[in-house]
Amino acid sequence: MIDFNLLDEIIIQNKFFVLTTHVNPDADAIGSEVAFYHILKSFNKQVRIINHSSTPYNLIFLDKENVIEKFNYEIHSEVLNNAEVIVLIDLNNLSRTVSMKDSIENSKSKKIYIDHHQSPDNSADYYFLDSEVSATGEIILDFLMAKHKNLINNEIAVPLYAAIMTDTGSFRFERTTPKLHRDIAFLIEKGADPVGIYDKIYDQSKFSKLKLLGRSLNSIKLLYNNKFAYMIITQNDLIETEAEESDTDNFVNYNLSIENVVLGLLFIELKNGFKVSFRSKGNVRADLLAKNFGGGGHKNAAGARFYNQEMNQDIINNILENSIEYLKSIGV
């Protein structure tokens, strides 16, 4: 049970907050940040949002006031050092802030996590975590519904709806509860437009994203009696389609749309390494697989990132073989 009274005390007792999130932020990260920004501003707090990564183009509409800043050491290291509280949103491992990690670590500020992932590191002073909820946005919504329901307006409702809608797979994943639907209805009453938000996030893709998706789908291969699928995106794919890493969000789920597939992986070659997304169905544990490679996440959705490593066939084969051995071990 999250201690929302403690979170309330931290907000009331401090004046200067910096919010940040993980590398390559998704809608839960950006939406939760923006919503929490407006919560703090309603208490007349000084607030900055500083991220390692730029905001993906399809999420810029959530930052109507253009308050999100891209980290620049020369400009922001002092800001981070002077902050009273640094709020790390939708992550529970400081390494996921990448270029900001050292500045955050060296800051004298209080550090708090607000997150819904498992296995946090020990770098924070306070933890507001619940791995049983659908999204970090749901934690922030629960906080508001419990303590400050009157603060919820259009500025807060829209980013929170986007955060929760995306991390629930448009309200189809297993952690979508009756209570969440009731709370989402309240956000809609306060101005969140389900049609408009979905359209901006999912139905306004750049042509480059669709070209990359085509290459990704064409790369799908089936293994283990067609129960295991994976796809590969190379740097060459990204360059030739003029797409970005953030465009690959949700691509991995296409693996699970194939009949009988219970485990799907997406390999993405990056400029300074590569990453692997793991998705699964039922009791197949994506998080346990990711943990084998230094990653983590949720039961059915997880990931691992490999810095300064080449994405060669030997490494890919190792991960594929490890995944097959896991499927065998659980009798799939």
Protein backbone atom coordinates (compact mmCIF):
# COMPACT_ATOMS: atom_id res chain seq x y z
CA MET A 1 0.00 0.00 0.00
CA ILE A 2 1.49 3.33 -1.06
CA ASP A 3 1.69 5.94 1.68
CA PHE A 4 0.01 8.86 -0.08
CA ASN A 5 0.09 10.88 3.16
CA LEU A 6 3.89 10.79 2.99
CA LEU A 7 3.87 11.87 -0.67
CA ASP A 8 1.57 14.72 0.31
CA GLU A 9 3.96 15.78 3.08
CA ILE A 10 6.92 15.81 0.69
CA ILE A 11 4.99 18.05 -1.69
CA ILE A 12 3.89 20.43 1.05
CA GLN A 13 7.27 20.67 2.81
CA ASN A 14 9.44 21.39 -0.26
CA LYS A 15 9.50 24.18 -2.82
CA PHE A 16 11.75 23.21 -5.74
CA PHE A 17 11.14 19.97 -7.64
CA VAL A 18 12.79 18.45 -10.72
CA LEU A 19 10.93 15.69 -12.55
CA THR A 20 12.54 13.20 -14.91
CA THR A 21 11.92 9.83 -16.52
CA HIS A 22 13.60 7.02 -18.42
CA VAL A 23 15.45 7.07 -21.73
CA ASN A 24 13.13 6.99 -24.77
CA PRO A 25 10.02 7.89 -22.81
CA ASP A 26 6.62 6.47 -23.68
CA ALA A 27 3.19 7.97 -23.03
CA ASP A 28 3.08 6.70 -19.45
CA ALA A 29 6.37 8.47 -18.74
CA ILE A 30 5.54 11.76 -20.46
CA GLY A 31 1.90 11.79 -19.38
CA SER A 32 2.78 11.07 -15.75
CA GLU A 33 5.48 13.75 -15.73
CA VAL A 34 3.22 16.40 -17.20
CA ALA A 35 0.35 15.53 -14.87
CA PHE A 36 2.62 15.63 -11.81
CA TYR A 37 4.06 18.95 -13.03
CA HIS A 38 0.57 20.48 -13.01
CA ILE A 39 -0.18 18.97 -9.59
CA LEU A 40 2.92 20.63 -8.15
CA LYS A 41 2.19 23.93 -9.89
CA SER A 42 -1.27 23.92 -8.31
CA PHE A 43 0.58 24.02 -4.97
CA ASN A 44 2.65 26.97 -6.25
CA LYS A 45 5.84 24.92 -6.35
CA GLN A 46 8.85 25.64 -8.54
CA VAL A 47 9.04 22.75 -11.02
CA ARG A 48 11.28 21.73 -13.92
CA ILE A 49 10.94 18.65 -16.14
CA ILE A 50 14.32 17.55 -17.50
CA ASN A 51 14.72 14.37 -19.57
CA HIS A 52 17.64 12.60 -21.19
CA SER A 53 15.66 11.98 -24.38
CA SER A 54 13.58 14.25 -26.57
CA THR A 55 9.82 13.80 -26.42
CA PRO A 56 8.54 11.53 -29.24
CA TYR A 57 6.67 13.52 -31.89
CA ASN A 58 3.35 11.78 -31.23
CA LEU A 59 3.45 12.77 -27.55
CA ILE A 60 4.37 16.44 -27.92
CA PHE A 61 0.68 17.37 -27.67
CA LEU A 62 0.77 16.29 -23.99
CA ASP A 63 3.29 19.05 -23.27
CA LYS A 64 1.11 21.96 -24.34
CA GLU A 65 3.15 24.51 -22.40
CA ASN A 66 6.47 23.19 -23.75
CA VAL A 67 7.87 22.71 -20.24
CA ILE A 68 9.92 19.55 -20.90
CA GLU A 69 13.63 20.29 -21.29
CA LYS A 70 16.26 18.04 -22.85
CA PHE A 71 19.20 17.48 -20.53
CA ASN A 72 22.31 19.58 -21.11
CA TYR A 73 25.02 19.09 -18.52
CA GLU A 74 26.28 22.69 -18.69
CA ILE A 75 22.80 24.05 -18.07
CA HIS A 76 21.12 21.45 -15.89
CA SER A 77 23.73 19.94 -13.57
CA GLU A 78 23.42 22.93 -11.26
CA VAL A 79 19.64 22.82 -11.48
CA LEU A 80 19.66 19.19 -10.36
CA ASN A 81 22.08 19.96 -7.57
CA ASN A 82 19.92 22.81 -6.27
CA ALA A 83 16.64 20.92 -6.41
CA GLU A 84 15.11 20.02 -3.06
CA VAL A 85 13.39 16.96 -4.54
CA ILE A 86 14.11 14.97 -7.70
CA VAL A 87 11.13 12.85 -8.71
CA LEU A 88 12.00 9.86 -10.90
CA ILE A 89 8.83 8.87 -12.72
CA ASP A 90 8.04 5.56 -14.45
CA LEU A 91 11.43 4.03 -13.65
CA ASN A 92 13.08 2.44 -10.64
CA ASN A 93 16.70 2.26 -11.70
CA LEU A 94 18.85 5.37 -11.93
CA SER A 95 20.85 3.98 -14.87
CA ARG A 96 17.77 4.48 -17.06
CA THR A 97 18.32 8.25 -16.90
CA VAL A 98 21.56 7.66 -18.87
CA SER A 99 23.37 11.02 -19.23
CA MET A 100 21.62 12.42 -16.14
CA LYS A 101 22.62 9.59 -13.82
CA ASP A 102 25.78 11.09 -12.31
CA SER A 103 24.23 14.53 -11.81
CA ILE A 104 21.22 13.02 -10.06
CA GLU A 105 23.38 10.70 -7.97
CA ASN A 106 25.63 13.58 -6.86
CA SER A 107 22.74 15.93 -6.08
CA LYS A 108 22.03 16.74 -2.45
CA SER A 109 18.30 16.60 -3.16
CA LYS A 110 15.83 14.09 -1.80
CA LYS A 111 15.14 11.49 -4.48
CA ILE A 112 11.85 9.69 -4.88
CA TYR A 113 10.57 7.03 -7.24
CA ILE A 114 6.99 6.91 -8.48
CA ASP A 115 6.71 3.74 -10.51
CA HIS A 116 4.92 0.46 -11.27
CA HIS A 117 7.87 -1.78 -12.16
CA GLN A 118 9.43 -4.50 -10.04
CA SER A 119 12.84 -4.70 -8.30
CA PRO A 120 13.85 -1.07 -7.64
CA ASP A 121 17.44 -0.11 -6.96
CA ASN A 122 18.49 1.49 -3.68
CA SER A 123 19.30 4.98 -4.98
CA ALA A 124 16.18 6.78 -3.71
CA ASP A 125 15.18 8.20 -0.34
CA TYR A 126 11.49 7.48 -0.80
CA TYR A 127 9.62 4.88 -2.84
CA PHE A 128 6.04 5.16 -4.06
CA LEU A 129 5.79 1.89 -5.95
CA ASP A 130 3.02 -0.51 -6.90
CA SER A 131 3.82 -3.23 -9.42
CA GLU A 132 0.21 -4.45 -9.35
CA VAL A 133 -1.22 -1.40 -11.13
CA SER A 134 -1.35 -0.90 -14.88
CA ALA A 135 0.69 2.28 -15.20
CA THR A 136 2.61 4.93 -13.31
CA GLY A 137 -0.18 7.25 -14.39
CA GLU A 138 -2.58 5.09 -12.37
CA ILE A 139 -0.49 5.63 -9.22
CA ILE A 140 -0.67 9.39 -9.72
CA LEU A 141 -4.40 9.15 -10.41
CA ASP A 142 -4.88 7.08 -7.23
CA PHE A 143 -2.99 9.75 -5.29
CA LEU A 144 -5.26 12.45 -6.65
CA MET A 145 -8.46 10.47 -6.09
CA ALA A 146 -7.39 9.79 -2.49
CA LYS A 147 -6.03 13.21 -1.56
CA HIS A 148 -6.78 15.91 -4.12
CA LYS A 149 -9.63 14.91 -6.40
CA ASN A 150 -10.63 18.56 -6.70
CA LEU A 151 -7.33 19.34 -8.50
CA ILE A 152 -8.16 17.17 -11.52
CA ASN A 153 -8.83 19.40 -14.49
CA ASN A 154 -8.25 19.14 -18.23
CA GLU A 155 -4.51 19.83 -17.86
CA ILE A 156 -4.16 16.80 -15.59
CA ALA A 157 -6.88 14.55 -17.04
CA VAL A 158 -5.50 14.46 -20.60
CA PRO A 159 -1.91 13.33 -19.80
CA LEU A 160 -3.11 10.83 -17.18
CA TYR A 161 -5.62 9.32 -19.61
CA ALA A 162 -2.86 9.00 -22.24
CA ALA A 163 -0.50 7.40 -19.70
CA ILE A 164 -3.02 4.80 -18.59
CA MET A 165 -4.62 4.13 -21.97
CA THR A 166 -1.29 3.25 -23.57
CA ASP A 167 0.09 1.12 -20.73
CA THR A 168 -3.13 -0.88 -20.52
CA GLY A 169 -3.04 -1.61 -24.26
CA SER A 170 -6.16 0.54 -24.69
CA PHE A 171 -7.70 -1.05 -21.59
CA ARG A 172 -7.31 -4.67 -22.67
CA PHE A 173 -4.44 -5.90 -20.46
CA GLU A 174 -5.13 -7.95 -17.34
CA ARG A 175 -4.55 -5.16 -14.81
CA THR A 176 -7.46 -3.17 -16.25
CA THR A 177 -9.83 -3.33 -13.27
CA PRO A 178 -13.42 -2.14 -12.73
CA LYS A 179 -12.04 0.53 -10.37
CA LEU A 180 -9.69 1.80 -13.07
CA HIS A 181 -12.57 2.08 -15.54
CA ARG A 182 -14.53 4.13 -13.00
CA ASP A 183 -11.57 6.44 -12.42
CA ILE A 184 -10.99 6.76 -16.17
CA ALA A 185 -14.63 7.80 -16.55
CA PHE A 186 -13.89 10.64 -14.14
CA LEU A 187 -10.94 11.74 -16.30
CA ILE A 188 -13.23 11.77 -19.33
CA GLU A 189 -15.71 13.90 -17.40
CA LYS A 190 -12.85 16.32 -16.71
CA GLY A 191 -11.99 16.71 -20.39
CA ALA A 192 -9.93 13.72 -21.53
CA ASP A 193 -11.10 12.94 -25.07
CA PRO A 194 -10.63 9.19 -25.77
CA VAL A 195 -11.03 9.55 -29.55
CA GLY A 196 -8.73 12.53 -29.88
CA ILE A 197 -6.00 11.18 -27.59
CA TYR A 198 -5.94 7.79 -29.31
CA ASP A 199 -5.80 9.48 -32.70
CA LYS A 200 -2.84 11.68 -31.78
CA ILE A 201 -0.83 8.81 -30.28
CA TYR A 202 -1.60 5.96 -32.67
CA ASP A 203 -3.25 7.28 -35.84
CA GLN A 204 -0.95 10.16 -36.78
CA SER A 205 2.18 8.19 -37.62
CA LYS A 206 4.88 9.52 -39.86
CA PHE A 207 5.36 7.61 -43.12
CA SER A 208 8.85 6.66 -41.91
CA LYS A 209 7.32 4.73 -38.98
CA LEU A 210 5.08 2.72 -41.29
CA LYS A 211 7.99 1.91 -43.56
CA LEU A 212 9.97 0.69 -40.55
CA LEU A 213 7.00 -1.35 -39.36
CA GLY A 214 6.89 -3.03 -42.76
CA ARG A 215 10.53 -4.05 -42.46
CA SER A 216 9.96 -5.26 -38.91
CA LEU A 217 7.01 -7.44 -39.88
CA ASN A 218 8.97 -8.82 -42.80
CA SER A 219 11.76 -9.87 -40.42
CA ILE A 220 9.52 -12.00 -38.15
CA LYS A 221 10.66 -15.57 -37.66
CA LEU A 222 8.92 -18.39 -35.80
CA LEU A 223 10.66 -20.89 -33.50
CA TYR A 224 9.78 -23.62 -31.03
CA ASN A 225 6.80 -25.17 -32.81
CA ASN A 226 5.58 -21.69 -33.80
CA LYS A 227 5.04 -20.66 -30.17
CA PHE A 228 7.93 -18.18 -30.16
CA ALA A 229 8.35 -15.25 -32.58
CA TYR A 230 10.98 -12.58 -32.90
CA MET A 231 11.80 -9.63 -35.14
CA ILE A 232 14.96 -7.61 -35.76
CA ILE A 233 15.46 -3.93 -36.55
CA THR A 234 18.95 -2.86 -37.57
CA GLN A 235 20.55 0.56 -37.66
CA ASN A 236 20.42 0.27 -41.43
CA ASP A 237 16.62 -0.15 -41.21
CA LEU A 238 16.32 2.99 -39.10
CA ILE A 239 18.57 5.02 -41.39
CA GLU A 240 17.01 3.92 -44.67
CA THR A 241 13.42 4.49 -43.47
CA GLU A 242 14.42 7.75 -41.72
CA ALA A 243 12.69 6.48 -38.58
CA GLU A 244 13.62 6.87 -34.92
CA GLU A 245 13.98 4.41 -32.08
CA SER A 246 10.84 5.82 -30.46
CA ASP A 247 8.88 4.81 -33.58
CA THR A 248 9.32 1.15 -32.60
CA ASP A 249 7.02 1.49 -29.58
CA ASN A 250 4.55 -1.45 -29.56
CA PHE A 251 6.12 -3.15 -32.61
CA VAL A 252 7.01 -6.15 -30.44
CA ASN A 253 3.31 -6.83 -29.79
CA TYR A 254 2.80 -7.87 -33.42
CA ASN A 255 4.66 -11.06 -32.55
CA LEU A 256 1.88 -11.99 -30.14
CA SER A 257 -0.81 -11.40 -32.76
CA ILE A 258 0.32 -14.59 -34.52
CA GLU A 259 -1.77 -17.63 -33.63
CA ASN A 260 -0.27 -19.91 -30.95
CA VAL A 261 2.62 -17.51 -30.17
CA VAL A 262 3.10 -17.05 -26.41
CA LEU A 263 6.46 -15.26 -26.44
CA GLY A 264 7.66 -12.45 -28.70
CA LEU A 265 10.98 -10.61 -28.85
CA LEU A 266 12.12 -7.49 -30.68
CA PHE A 267 15.84 -6.80 -31.19
CA ILE A 268 16.73 -3.19 -32.00
CA GLU A 269 20.26 -2.20 -32.98
CA LEU A 270 21.23 1.18 -31.54
CA LYS A 271 24.11 3.55 -32.20
CA ASN A 272 25.74 2.57 -28.91
CA GLY A 273 24.50 -0.97 -28.40
CA PHE A 274 21.14 -2.67 -28.72
CA LYS A 275 17.98 -3.44 -26.78
CA VAL A 276 15.57 -6.34 -26.58
CA SER A 277 11.85 -6.09 -25.81
CA PHE A 278 10.13 -9.17 -24.36
CA ARG A 279 6.36 -9.74 -24.52
CA SER A 280 4.43 -12.80 -23.44
CA LYS A 281 1.03 -14.25 -22.72
CA GLY A 282 -0.42 -15.96 -19.66
CA ASN A 283 2.07 -17.48 -17.24
CA VAL A 284 5.07 -17.07 -19.57
CA ARG A 285 7.27 -14.62 -17.62
CA ALA A 286 8.81 -11.96 -19.84
CA ASP A 287 10.32 -10.29 -16.77
CA LEU A 288 12.27 -13.41 -15.76
CA LEU A 289 13.76 -13.68 -19.23
CA ALA A 290 14.75 -10.02 -19.27
CA LYS A 291 16.28 -10.37 -15.82
CA ASN A 292 18.67 -13.00 -17.19
CA PHE A 293 20.17 -10.24 -19.32
CA GLY A 294 20.23 -7.44 -16.77
CA GLY A 295 16.79 -6.11 -17.61
CA GLY A 296 13.40 -6.22 -15.99
CA GLY A 297 9.81 -5.08 -16.18
CA HIS A 298 6.44 -6.76 -15.72
CA LYS A 299 5.22 -10.33 -15.90
CA ASN A 300 4.23 -10.06 -19.57
CA ALA A 301 6.17 -6.99 -20.71
CA ALA A 302 9.85 -6.39 -20.07
CA GLY A 303 13.08 -5.27 -21.68
CA ALA A 304 16.86 -5.27 -21.51
CA ARG A 305 19.34 -2.75 -22.86
CA PHE A 306 22.95 -3.49 -23.80
CA TYR A 307 25.29 -0.50 -23.93
CA ASN A 308 28.40 -0.46 -26.10
CA GLN A 309 27.81 -4.01 -27.35
CA GLU A 310 27.48 -5.10 -30.94
CA MET A 311 24.20 -6.80 -31.85
CA ASN A 312 25.78 -9.75 -33.62
CA GLN A 313 24.25 -13.10 -34.51
CA ASP A 314 25.99 -14.93 -31.66
CA ILE A 315 24.37 -12.67 -29.06
CA ILE A 316 20.99 -12.92 -30.75
CA ASN A 317 21.26 -16.71 -30.85
CA ASN A 318 22.21 -16.81 -27.18
CA ILE A 319 19.11 -14.86 -26.20
CA LEU A 320 16.89 -16.96 -28.46
CA GLU A 321 18.30 -20.21 -27.08
CA ASN A 322 17.90 -18.97 -23.52
CA SER A 323 14.29 -18.12 -24.28
CA ILE A 324 13.58 -21.55 -25.75
CA GLU A 325 15.15 -23.25 -22.72
CA TYR A 326 12.90 -21.18 -20.49
CA LEU A 327 9.80 -22.21 -22.46
CA LYS A 328 10.84 -25.85 -22.17
CA SER A 329 11.41 -25.47 -18.43
CA ILE A 330 7.85 -24.31 -17.81
CA GLY A 331 6.34 -26.97 -20.03
CA VAL A 332 5.06 -24.73 -22.82
